[in-house]
Amino acid sequence: MTKLERINDSIGLLLESIRQGWLDLATKPLSNEGRTREREAIACYEAQLLELLPLRDSLRAFGDGGDPER
């Protein structure tokens, strides 16, 4: 698996986690503490996503994502 493929997989997982977190906030009867924990988790996933997006874009731009990692 190339670096770019791994990053794209990670981005997909993070986006799904964020989507599910917002869905949980909207549909589940959570306590205030539960809502706070869910929002903190979403913020963490968003921060990780914001780190990966520029890396993915640079790999695409420079064509460095095609070599499999060992």
N, C-alpha and C. Protein backbone atom coordinates (compact mmCIF):
# COMPACT_ATOMS: atom_id res chain seq x y z
N MET A 1 0.85 -1.17 0.00
CA MET A 1 0.00 0.00 0.00
C MET A 1 0.90 1.24 0.00
N THR A 2 0.56 2.21 -0.84
CA THR A 2 1.38 3.42 -0.92
C THR A 2 1.04 4.38 0.21
N LYS A 3 1.91 5.35 0.39
CA LYS A 3 1.68 6.38 1.42
C LYS A 3 0.35 7.09 1.15
N LEU A 4 0.13 7.43 -0.12
CA LEU A 4 -1.08 8.15 -0.49
C LEU A 4 -2.33 7.32 -0.20
N GLU A 5 -2.28 6.04 -0.50
CA GLU A 5 -3.42 5.17 -0.21
C GLU A 5 -3.67 5.07 1.29
N ARG A 6 -2.61 4.97 2.07
CA ARG A 6 -2.77 4.90 3.52
C ARG A 6 -3.37 6.18 4.08
N ILE A 7 -2.90 7.31 3.57
CA ILE A 7 -3.44 8.59 4.03
C ILE A 7 -4.91 8.72 3.63
N ASN A 8 -5.23 8.33 2.40
CA ASN A 8 -6.63 8.40 1.96
C ASN A 8 -7.52 7.49 2.81
N ASP A 9 -7.03 6.33 3.16
CA ASP A 9 -7.79 5.44 4.04
C ASP A 9 -8.02 6.08 5.41
N SER A 10 -6.97 6.68 5.95
CA SER A 10 -7.08 7.35 7.25
C SER A 10 -8.06 8.51 7.19
N ILE A 11 -8.02 9.27 6.11
CA ILE A 11 -8.95 10.39 5.94
C ILE A 11 -10.38 9.88 5.89
N GLY A 12 -10.60 8.80 5.16
CA GLY A 12 -11.94 8.22 5.09
C GLY A 12 -12.45 7.77 6.44
N LEU A 13 -11.59 7.14 7.23
CA LEU A 13 -11.99 6.70 8.57
C LEU A 13 -12.29 7.88 9.49
N LEU A 14 -11.47 8.91 9.40
CA LEU A 14 -11.71 10.10 10.22
C LEU A 14 -13.02 10.78 9.84
N LEU A 15 -13.28 10.90 8.54
CA LEU A 15 -14.53 11.52 8.10
C LEU A 15 -15.74 10.72 8.58
N GLU A 16 -15.64 9.41 8.54
CA GLU A 16 -16.74 8.57 9.03
C GLU A 16 -16.92 8.73 10.54
N SER A 17 -15.83 8.82 11.27
CA SER A 17 -15.92 9.02 12.72
C SER A 17 -16.55 10.36 13.05
N ILE A 18 -16.19 11.38 12.31
CA ILE A 18 -16.77 12.71 12.53
C ILE A 18 -18.27 12.68 12.21
N ARG A 19 -18.63 12.09 11.08
CA ARG A 19 -20.03 12.00 10.69
C ARG A 19 -20.83 11.25 11.75
N GLN A 20 -20.29 10.14 12.21
CA GLN A 20 -20.99 9.34 13.21
C GLN A 20 -21.12 10.10 14.53
N GLY A 21 -20.10 10.84 14.89
CA GLY A 21 -20.15 11.62 16.12
C GLY A 21 -21.25 12.66 16.07
N TRP A 22 -21.35 13.38 14.96
CA TRP A 22 -22.42 14.38 14.83
C TRP A 22 -23.79 13.72 14.80
N LEU A 23 -23.87 12.57 14.15
CA LEU A 23 -25.14 11.83 14.14
C LEU A 23 -25.53 11.41 15.54
N ASP A 24 -24.57 10.93 16.32
CA ASP A 24 -24.84 10.55 17.70
C ASP A 24 -25.32 11.75 18.52
N LEU A 25 -24.67 12.90 18.33
CA LEU A 25 -25.09 14.09 19.06
C LEU A 25 -26.52 14.48 18.71
N ALA A 26 -26.88 14.29 17.45
CA ALA A 26 -28.21 14.70 17.00
C ALA A 26 -29.30 13.70 17.36
N THR A 27 -28.95 12.43 17.50
CA THR A 27 -30.00 11.42 17.63
C THR A 27 -30.02 10.65 18.95
N LYS A 28 -28.92 10.65 19.68
CA LYS A 28 -28.87 9.86 20.91
C LYS A 28 -29.13 10.73 22.13
N PRO A 29 -29.84 10.19 23.09
CA PRO A 29 -30.06 10.94 24.33
C PRO A 29 -28.82 10.85 25.23
N LEU A 30 -27.92 11.80 25.07
CA LEU A 30 -26.67 11.80 25.83
C LEU A 30 -26.76 12.78 26.99
N SER A 31 -26.07 12.44 28.07
CA SER A 31 -25.96 13.37 29.19
C SER A 31 -25.07 14.54 28.77
N ASN A 32 -25.03 15.57 29.59
CA ASN A 32 -24.15 16.70 29.29
C ASN A 32 -22.70 16.25 29.20
N GLU A 33 -22.31 15.35 30.10
CA GLU A 33 -20.94 14.81 30.05
C GLU A 33 -20.71 14.01 28.77
N GLY A 34 -21.71 13.23 28.38
CA GLY A 34 -21.60 12.45 27.15
C GLY A 34 -21.49 13.34 25.93
N ARG A 35 -22.25 14.42 25.91
CA ARG A 35 -22.18 15.38 24.80
C ARG A 35 -20.80 16.04 24.75
N THR A 36 -20.29 16.39 25.92
CA THR A 36 -18.98 17.01 25.99
C THR A 36 -17.90 16.06 25.47
N ARG A 37 -17.94 14.81 25.91
CA ARG A 37 -16.96 13.81 25.43
C ARG A 37 -17.06 13.62 23.93
N GLU A 38 -18.29 13.58 23.41
CA GLU A 38 -18.48 13.38 21.96
C GLU A 38 -17.93 14.57 21.18
N ARG A 39 -18.18 15.77 21.68
CA ARG A 39 -17.65 16.97 21.00
C ARG A 39 -16.13 17.00 21.05
N GLU A 40 -15.55 16.58 22.16
CA GLU A 40 -14.09 16.53 22.27
C GLU A 40 -13.51 15.51 21.31
N ALA A 41 -14.18 14.37 21.18
CA ALA A 41 -13.71 13.34 20.24
C ALA A 41 -13.79 13.86 18.81
N ILE A 42 -14.88 14.53 18.48
CA ILE A 42 -15.04 15.10 17.13
C ILE A 42 -13.93 16.12 16.87
N ALA A 43 -13.64 16.98 17.85
CA ALA A 43 -12.58 17.98 17.69
C ALA A 43 -11.23 17.31 17.46
N CYS A 44 -10.98 16.22 18.17
CA CYS A 44 -9.72 15.48 17.99
C CYS A 44 -9.63 14.91 16.58
N TYR A 45 -10.73 14.30 16.11
CA TYR A 45 -10.74 13.74 14.74
C TYR A 45 -10.55 14.85 13.70
N GLU A 46 -11.18 15.99 13.94
CA GLU A 46 -11.04 17.10 12.99
C GLU A 46 -9.60 17.60 12.96
N ALA A 47 -8.94 17.66 14.11
CA ALA A 47 -7.54 18.10 14.16
C ALA A 47 -6.64 17.13 13.40
N GLN A 48 -6.89 15.83 13.58
CA GLN A 48 -6.10 14.83 12.85
C GLN A 48 -6.34 14.97 11.34
N LEU A 49 -7.59 15.21 10.97
CA LEU A 49 -7.93 15.38 9.56
C LEU A 49 -7.21 16.59 8.97
N LEU A 50 -7.18 17.68 9.72
CA LEU A 50 -6.51 18.89 9.24
C LEU A 50 -5.00 18.71 9.09
N GLU A 51 -4.43 17.76 9.81
CA GLU A 51 -3.01 17.44 9.63
C GLU A 51 -2.78 16.59 8.38
N LEU A 52 -3.72 15.71 8.09
CA LEU A 52 -3.54 14.78 6.97
C LEU A 52 -3.84 15.41 5.61
N LEU A 53 -4.79 16.32 5.55
CA LEU A 53 -5.18 16.88 4.25
C LEU A 53 -4.02 17.56 3.51
N PRO A 54 -3.24 18.43 4.16
CA PRO A 54 -2.11 19.03 3.43
C PRO A 54 -1.07 17.98 3.01
N LEU A 55 -0.86 16.98 3.85
CA LEU A 55 0.09 15.92 3.50
C LEU A 55 -0.38 15.18 2.26
N ARG A 56 -1.64 14.84 2.22
CA ARG A 56 -2.20 14.17 1.04
C ARG A 56 -2.04 15.04 -0.20
N ASP A 57 -2.36 16.32 -0.05
CA ASP A 57 -2.26 17.23 -1.19
C ASP A 57 -0.83 17.36 -1.70
N SER A 58 0.13 17.40 -0.78
CA SER A 58 1.53 17.51 -1.22
C SER A 58 1.99 16.22 -1.89
N LEU A 59 1.56 15.07 -1.38
CA LEU A 59 1.92 13.81 -2.03
C LEU A 59 1.33 13.75 -3.44
N ARG A 60 0.12 14.21 -3.58
CA ARG A 60 -0.49 14.24 -4.92
C ARG A 60 0.27 15.19 -5.84
N ALA A 61 0.61 16.38 -5.34
CA ALA A 61 1.26 17.40 -6.16
C ALA A 61 2.64 16.97 -6.62
N PHE A 62 3.37 16.32 -5.73
CA PHE A 62 4.75 15.94 -6.06
C PHE A 62 4.88 14.52 -6.54
N GLY A 63 3.79 13.78 -6.55
CA GLY A 63 3.83 12.42 -7.07
C GLY A 63 4.60 11.45 -6.20
N ASP A 64 4.74 11.75 -4.91
CA ASP A 64 5.52 10.89 -4.02
C ASP A 64 4.70 9.79 -3.38
N GLY A 65 3.44 9.68 -3.70
CA GLY A 65 2.60 8.70 -3.03
C GLY A 65 2.54 7.36 -3.74
N GLY A 66 3.24 7.21 -4.85
CA GLY A 66 3.12 5.99 -5.62
C GLY A 66 4.02 4.84 -5.20
N ASP A 67 5.02 5.12 -4.39
CA ASP A 67 5.95 4.07 -3.98
C ASP A 67 5.42 3.36 -2.74
N PRO A 68 5.35 2.04 -2.78
CA PRO A 68 4.91 1.33 -1.58
C PRO A 68 5.89 1.53 -0.43
N GLU A 69 5.35 1.66 0.76
CA GLU A 69 6.19 1.79 1.94
C GLU A 69 6.61 0.44 2.42
N ARG A 70 7.81 0.36 2.96
CA ARG A 70 8.29 -0.92 3.50
C ARG A 70 8.28 -0.89 4.97
